[in-house]
Amino acid sequence: VQLQASGGGLVQAGGSLRLSCAASGRAFSSYVMGWFRRAPGKEREFVTTISTSGRSTYYADSVKGRFTISRDNAKNTVYLQMNSLKPEDTAVYYCAARSGPYGLGVTAVADNYDYWGQGTLVTVSS
């Protein structure tokens, strides 16, 4: 599967952005999807993940209550709604797809994902 992330940009602190990740190919609904980010000078970190059905989600503590992941399997797309953005949210955001099962402790680990998008830059100004 090929992933194409979009929706990044420059926003002021407190603002909102919605990222999209469109997947090509079949069987999108069979993939667990995740979002990760890499801030300048930092390691890549987990942001959020969603199960194949969309019924289960999990968030990093740093974004809980501000970010929402969702998916539309009919459109082969996963979304990341980001509200109350902070300067520390500035990063390149990557979507990823995992062909294995969903599970806490597994789907928060980048190495457990099989496919990655190219990333989209989010810059939050103070």
C-alpha atoms as a PDB file:
ATOM      1  CA  VAL A   1       0.000   0.000   0.000  1.00  0.00           C
ATOM      2  CA  GLN A   2       1.188   3.548  -0.736  1.00  0.00           C
ATOM      3  CA  LEU A   3       0.403   6.373   1.650  1.00  0.00           C
ATOM      4  CA  GLN A   4       0.145  10.071   0.866  1.00  0.00           C
ATOM      5  CA  ALA A   5      -0.084  12.505   3.748  1.00  0.00           C
ATOM      6  CA  SER A   6      -1.347  16.044   3.326  1.00  0.00           C
ATOM      7  CA  GLY A   7      -2.799  18.956   5.254  1.00  0.00           C
ATOM      8  CA  GLY A   8       0.241  20.302   7.029  1.00  0.00           C
ATOM      9  CA  GLY A   9       1.020  23.985   7.211  1.00  0.00           C
ATOM     10  CA  LEU A  10       1.711  26.960   9.416  1.00  0.00           C
ATOM     11  CA  VAL A  11      -0.733  27.732  12.206  1.00  0.00           C
ATOM     12  CA  GLN A  12      -0.709  29.897  15.302  1.00  0.00           C
ATOM     13  CA  ALA A  13      -0.701  28.394  18.758  1.00  0.00           C
ATOM     14  CA  GLY A  14      -4.220  27.465  19.756  1.00  0.00           C
ATOM     15  CA  GLY A  15      -5.246  26.848  16.181  1.00  0.00           C
ATOM     16  CA  SER A  16      -6.318  23.691  14.405  1.00  0.00           C
ATOM     17  CA  LEU A  17      -5.276  21.600  11.436  1.00  0.00           C
ATOM     18  CA  ARG A  18      -6.577  18.392   9.922  1.00  0.00           C
ATOM     19  CA  LEU A  19      -4.133  16.007   8.346  1.00  0.00           C
ATOM     20  CA  SER A  20      -5.208  13.402   5.828  1.00  0.00           C
ATOM     21  CA  CYS A  21      -3.495  10.247   4.706  1.00  0.00           C
ATOM     22  CA  ALA A  22      -4.791   8.668   1.538  1.00  0.00           C
ATOM     23  CA  ALA A  23      -3.925   5.054   0.824  1.00  0.00           C
ATOM     24  CA  SER A  24      -3.725   3.459  -2.565  1.00  0.00           C
ATOM     25  CA  GLY A  25      -4.364  -0.169  -3.268  1.00  0.00           C
ATOM     26  CA  ARG A  26      -6.865  -2.581  -1.882  1.00  0.00           C
ATOM     27  CA  ALA A  27      -7.534  -3.816   1.610  1.00  0.00           C
ATOM     28  CA  PHE A  28      -7.069  -0.470   3.352  1.00  0.00           C
ATOM     29  CA  SER A  29      -9.650  -1.582   5.884  1.00  0.00           C
ATOM     30  CA  SER A  30      -7.396  -4.446   6.938  1.00  0.00           C
ATOM     31  CA  TYR A  31      -4.580  -2.148   8.074  1.00  0.00           C
ATOM     32  CA  VAL A  32      -4.105  -0.659  11.483  1.00  0.00           C
ATOM     33  CA  MET A  33      -3.171   2.971  10.920  1.00  0.00           C
ATOM     34  CA  GLY A  34      -0.989   5.253  12.945  1.00  0.00           C
ATOM     35  CA  TRP A  35       0.438   8.741  13.042  1.00  0.00           C
ATOM     36  CA  PHE A  36       3.960   9.489  14.186  1.00  0.00           C
ATOM     37  CA  ARG A  37       5.946  12.702  14.220  1.00  0.00           C
ATOM     38  CA  ARG A  38       9.541  13.864  14.238  1.00  0.00           C
ATOM     39  CA  ALA A  39      10.338  17.256  15.676  1.00  0.00           C
ATOM     40  CA  PRO A  40      13.525  19.081  14.695  1.00  0.00           C
ATOM     41  CA  GLY A  41      16.489  17.494  16.430  1.00  0.00           C
ATOM     42  CA  LYS A  42      14.385  14.828  18.108  1.00  0.00           C
ATOM     43  CA  GLU A  43      13.573  11.182  17.656  1.00  0.00           C
ATOM     44  CA  ARG A  44      10.455  10.036  15.901  1.00  0.00           C
ATOM     45  CA  GLU A  45       7.616   9.604  18.362  1.00  0.00           C
ATOM     46  CA  PHE A  46       4.241   7.950  18.423  1.00  0.00           C
ATOM     47  CA  VAL A  47       1.168  10.185  18.214  1.00  0.00           C
ATOM     48  CA  THR A  48      -1.889   7.983  17.791  1.00  0.00           C
ATOM     49  CA  THR A  49      -3.227   4.770  16.289  1.00  0.00           C
ATOM     50  CA  ILE A  50      -6.582   3.413  15.169  1.00  0.00           C
ATOM     51  CA  SER A  51      -7.836  -0.117  14.694  1.00  0.00           C
ATOM     52  CA  THR A  52      -9.052  -1.466  11.380  1.00  0.00           C
ATOM     53  CA  SER A  53     -12.707  -0.834  12.242  1.00  0.00           C
ATOM     54  CA  GLY A  54     -12.034   2.548  13.806  1.00  0.00           C
ATOM     55  CA  ARG A  55     -13.610   1.507  17.085  1.00  0.00           C
ATOM     56  CA  SER A  56     -10.343   1.499  19.025  1.00  0.00           C
ATOM     57  CA  THR A  57      -7.912   4.355  19.295  1.00  0.00           C
ATOM     58  CA  TYR A  58      -4.933   5.166  21.451  1.00  0.00           C
ATOM     59  CA  TYR A  59      -3.088   8.440  21.971  1.00  0.00           C
ATOM     60  CA  ALA A  60       0.204   9.626  23.321  1.00  0.00           C
ATOM     61  CA  ASP A  61      -0.256  11.528  26.565  1.00  0.00           C
ATOM     62  CA  SER A  62       1.126  14.653  24.937  1.00  0.00           C
ATOM     63  CA  VAL A  63      -1.791  14.893  22.491  1.00  0.00           C
ATOM     64  CA  LYS A  64      -4.623  13.240  24.404  1.00  0.00           C
ATOM     65  CA  GLY A  65      -7.691  15.435  24.498  1.00  0.00           C
ATOM     66  CA  ARG A  66      -6.416  17.667  21.689  1.00  0.00           C
ATOM     67  CA  PHE A  67      -5.935  15.315  18.743  1.00  0.00           C
ATOM     68  CA  THR A  68      -8.464  12.921  17.234  1.00  0.00           C
ATOM     69  CA  ILE A  69      -7.735  10.120  14.797  1.00  0.00           C
ATOM     70  CA  SER A  70     -10.436   8.754  12.534  1.00  0.00           C
ATOM     71  CA  ARG A  71     -10.702   6.753   9.358  1.00  0.00           C
ATOM     72  CA  ASP A  72     -13.040   6.370   6.423  1.00  0.00           C
ATOM     73  CA  ASN A  73     -12.517   2.931   4.967  1.00  0.00           C
ATOM     74  CA  ALA A  74     -14.763   3.711   2.013  1.00  0.00           C
ATOM     75  CA  LYS A  75     -12.399   6.534   1.056  1.00  0.00           C
ATOM     76  CA  ASN A  76      -9.173   4.723   2.006  1.00  0.00           C
ATOM     77  CA  THR A  77      -8.252   7.649   4.204  1.00  0.00           C
ATOM     78  CA  VAL A  78      -7.200   8.231   7.778  1.00  0.00           C
ATOM     79  CA  TYR A  79      -7.423  11.649   9.405  1.00  0.00           C
ATOM     80  CA  LEU A  80      -5.765  13.450  12.254  1.00  0.00           C
ATOM     81  CA  GLN A  81      -7.713  16.381  13.654  1.00  0.00           C
ATOM     82  CA  MET A  82      -5.382  18.553  15.700  1.00  0.00           C
ATOM     83  CA  ASN A  83      -6.849  21.200  17.974  1.00  0.00           C
ATOM     84  CA  SER A  84      -5.338  23.543  20.546  1.00  0.00           C
ATOM     85  CA  LEU A  85      -2.002  23.260  18.819  1.00  0.00           C
ATOM     86  CA  LYS A  86       1.136  24.160  20.709  1.00  0.00           C
ATOM     87  CA  PRO A  87       4.580  25.162  19.444  1.00  0.00           C
ATOM     88  CA  GLU A  88       5.885  21.832  20.710  1.00  0.00           C
ATOM     89  CA  ASP A  89       3.603  20.094  18.206  1.00  0.00           C
ATOM     90  CA  THR A  90       5.829  21.414  15.417  1.00  0.00           C
ATOM     91  CA  ALA A  91       7.099  18.386  13.517  1.00  0.00           C
ATOM     92  CA  VAL A  92       6.913  16.388  10.351  1.00  0.00           C
ATOM     93  CA  TYR A  93       3.911  14.097  10.704  1.00  0.00           C
ATOM     94  CA  TYR A  94       3.953  10.652   9.152  1.00  0.00           C
ATOM     95  CA  CYS A  95       1.127   8.227   8.629  1.00  0.00           C
ATOM     96  CA  ALA A  96       1.848   4.526   8.716  1.00  0.00           C
ATOM     97  CA  ALA A  97       0.047   1.264   8.048  1.00  0.00           C
ATOM     98  CA  ARG A  98       0.412  -2.003   9.885  1.00  0.00           C
ATOM     99  CA  SER A  99      -0.736  -5.332   8.480  1.00  0.00           C
ATOM    100  CA  GLY A 100      -0.655  -7.070  11.846  1.00  0.00           C
ATOM    101  CA  PRO A 101      -3.270  -6.951  14.587  1.00  0.00           C
ATOM    102  CA  TYR A 102      -4.122  -3.926  16.702  1.00  0.00           C
ATOM    103  CA  GLY A 103      -2.962  -3.999  20.270  1.00  0.00           C
ATOM    104  CA  LEU A 104      -1.687  -1.643  22.913  1.00  0.00           C
ATOM    105  CA  GLY A 105       2.044  -1.852  23.282  1.00  0.00           C
ATOM    106  CA  VAL A 106       2.335  -3.011  19.683  1.00  0.00           C
ATOM    107  CA  THR A 107       0.745  -0.340  17.556  1.00  0.00           C
ATOM    108  CA  ALA A 108       2.537   2.460  19.405  1.00  0.00           C
ATOM    109  CA  VAL A 109       5.883   1.177  18.150  1.00  0.00           C
ATOM    110  CA  ALA A 110       7.102   2.516  14.831  1.00  0.00           C
ATOM    111  CA  ASP A 111       9.024  -0.647  13.958  1.00  0.00           C
ATOM    112  CA  ASN A 112       5.746  -2.591  13.938  1.00  0.00           C
ATOM    113  CA  TYR A 113       4.445  -0.659  10.922  1.00  0.00           C
ATOM    114  CA  ASP A 114       4.993  -1.895   7.399  1.00  0.00           C
ATOM    115  CA  TYR A 115       4.296   1.129   5.205  1.00  0.00           C
ATOM    116  CA  TRP A 116       4.993   4.820   5.642  1.00  0.00           C
ATOM    117  CA  GLY A 117       3.896   8.013   3.973  1.00  0.00           C
ATOM    118  CA  GLN A 118       6.274  10.773   3.010  1.00  0.00           C
ATOM    119  CA  GLY A 119       5.371  13.126   5.850  1.00  0.00           C
ATOM    120  CA  THR A 120       3.740  16.517   6.050  1.00  0.00           C
ATOM    121  CA  LEU A 121       5.189  19.458   7.953  1.00  0.00           C
ATOM    122  CA  VAL A 122       3.214  21.125  10.724  1.00  0.00           C
ATOM    123  CA  THR A 123       4.597  24.357  12.117  1.00  0.00           C
ATOM    124  CA  VAL A 124       2.967  25.992  15.114  1.00  0.00           C
ATOM    125  CA  SER A 125       4.018  29.552  15.853  1.00  0.00           C
ATOM    126  CA  SER A 126       3.851  31.085  19.309  1.00  0.00           C
END
